[in-house]
Amino acid sequence: MRALGSKDVMARKGNKTRTKKPVDPLPEEFASLEEAAEFWDTHDTVDYEEFMTDVEFEVDLKPRTHLVTIEGRVYDRVRAVAKKRRVPIDKLVSRWIEEKLRSAA
């Protein structure tokens, strides 16, 4: 094991300091998603920042939550059924509404 020299010890990027090390060349193109996954599972993206470009994109996060008022006695009955079936109340109610809408169509 050799000691690191001053020219290969420090690489400064912002406030981060890291040891320079040789990295595998970045392939021009990956043959498959599996090949890309294998590469990035074994390599650090920080070592390839010079090849990356900024991108902008929008994300439409779903599902959205909507509040619906129901009577207390109805809620109690729904809660009891959900507990018996061991499912979250919101999932049970959503499922019931979807079933009712399908049959109404």
Protein backbone atom coordinates (compact mmCIF):
# COMPACT_ATOMS: atom_id res chain seq x y z
CA MET A 1 0.00 0.00 0.00
CA ARG A 2 1.47 3.35 -0.97
CA ALA A 3 0.90 6.72 0.67
CA LEU A 4 -1.16 9.17 -1.32
CA GLY A 5 0.71 12.16 -2.69
CA SER A 6 -0.55 15.71 -2.43
CA LYS A 7 -1.62 15.84 -6.08
CA ASP A 8 -3.91 12.82 -5.78
CA VAL A 9 -5.24 13.36 -2.26
CA MET A 10 -7.70 16.20 -2.49
CA ALA A 11 -10.38 17.06 -4.98
CA ARG A 12 -12.58 19.95 -3.94
CA LYS A 13 -16.18 20.20 -5.00
CA GLY A 14 -18.12 22.85 -3.12
CA ASN A 15 -17.60 22.10 0.58
CA LYS A 16 -17.02 18.40 -0.04
CA THR A 17 -13.55 16.93 0.04
CA ARG A 18 -12.79 13.46 -1.28
CA THR A 19 -9.88 11.32 -2.34
CA LYS A 20 -9.30 11.16 -6.10
CA LYS A 21 -9.42 7.63 -7.42
CA PRO A 22 -9.42 6.16 -10.88
CA VAL A 23 -12.93 5.54 -12.20
CA ASP A 24 -14.22 3.29 -14.96
CA PRO A 25 -15.09 5.13 -18.17
CA LEU A 26 -18.76 5.96 -18.58
CA PRO A 27 -20.22 3.88 -21.43
CA GLU A 28 -21.53 5.87 -24.41
CA GLU A 29 -24.71 3.83 -24.23
CA PHE A 30 -26.04 0.96 -22.13
CA ALA A 31 -27.34 -2.11 -23.98
CA SER A 32 -30.20 -2.58 -21.52
CA LEU A 33 -31.77 -1.23 -18.36
CA GLU A 34 -30.19 -4.14 -16.51
CA GLU A 35 -26.72 -3.12 -17.72
CA ALA A 36 -27.32 0.48 -16.64
CA ALA A 37 -28.60 -0.68 -13.25
CA GLU A 38 -25.55 -2.91 -12.77
CA PHE A 39 -23.21 -0.02 -13.62
CA TRP A 40 -24.85 2.49 -11.27
CA ASP A 41 -25.19 -0.10 -8.49
CA THR A 42 -21.40 -0.35 -8.46
CA HIS A 43 -20.38 3.24 -9.27
CA ASP A 44 -20.89 6.60 -7.56
CA THR A 45 -22.60 9.34 -9.59
CA VAL A 46 -20.33 11.92 -7.92
CA ASP A 47 -17.45 10.51 -9.98
CA TYR A 48 -19.35 11.27 -13.21
CA GLU A 49 -20.76 14.75 -12.53
CA GLU A 50 -18.92 16.24 -15.50
CA PHE A 51 -21.01 14.08 -17.85
CA MET A 52 -24.35 15.04 -16.33
CA THR A 53 -26.63 17.82 -17.47
CA ASP A 54 -29.37 19.64 -15.61
CA VAL A 55 -32.91 18.75 -16.58
CA GLU A 56 -36.29 20.16 -15.64
CA PHE A 57 -39.42 18.11 -15.25
CA GLU A 58 -42.81 18.26 -13.60
CA VAL A 59 -44.20 15.63 -11.31
CA ASP A 60 -47.91 15.07 -10.85
CA LEU A 61 -48.06 13.23 -7.57
CA LYS A 62 -51.03 10.92 -7.27
CA PRO A 63 -53.17 9.86 -5.53
CA ARG A 64 -54.69 13.05 -4.24
CA THR A 65 -56.60 13.14 -0.99
CA HIS A 66 -60.12 14.53 -0.87
CA LEU A 67 -62.05 14.95 2.34
CA VAL A 68 -65.67 13.82 2.45
CA THR A 69 -67.92 14.40 5.43
CA ILE A 70 -69.87 11.37 6.67
CA GLU A 71 -72.07 10.86 9.71
CA GLY A 72 -70.43 9.55 12.86
CA ARG A 73 -72.53 6.38 12.99
CA VAL A 74 -71.60 5.57 9.37
CA TYR A 75 -67.94 6.14 10.15
CA ASP A 76 -68.15 3.82 13.16
CA ARG A 77 -69.64 1.06 11.00
CA VAL A 78 -67.00 1.54 8.28
CA ARG A 79 -64.23 1.53 10.89
CA ALA A 80 -65.55 -1.74 12.34
CA VAL A 81 -65.62 -3.41 8.91
CA ALA A 82 -62.13 -2.13 8.07
CA LYS A 83 -60.80 -3.43 11.38
CA LYS A 84 -62.43 -6.83 10.83
CA ARG A 85 -60.94 -7.05 7.31
CA ARG A 86 -57.61 -5.63 8.49
CA VAL A 87 -57.48 -2.93 5.84
CA PRO A 88 -57.06 0.84 6.21
CA ILE A 89 -60.35 2.73 6.30
CA ASP A 90 -59.43 4.94 3.34
CA LYS A 91 -58.60 1.92 1.15
CA LEU A 92 -61.86 0.20 2.07
CA VAL A 93 -63.97 3.29 1.35
CA SER A 94 -62.18 3.92 -1.96
CA ARG A 95 -62.75 0.32 -2.99
CA TRP A 96 -66.46 0.53 -2.11
CA ILE A 97 -66.90 3.77 -4.04
CA GLU A 98 -65.15 2.30 -7.10
CA GLU A 99 -67.39 -0.79 -6.96
CA LYS A 100 -70.52 1.35 -6.68
CA LEU A 101 -69.44 3.58 -9.57
CA ARG A 102 -68.76 0.54 -11.79
CA SER A 103 -72.21 -0.87 -11.09
CA ALA A 104 -73.84 2.52 -11.70
CA ALA A 105 -72.24 2.98 -15.12
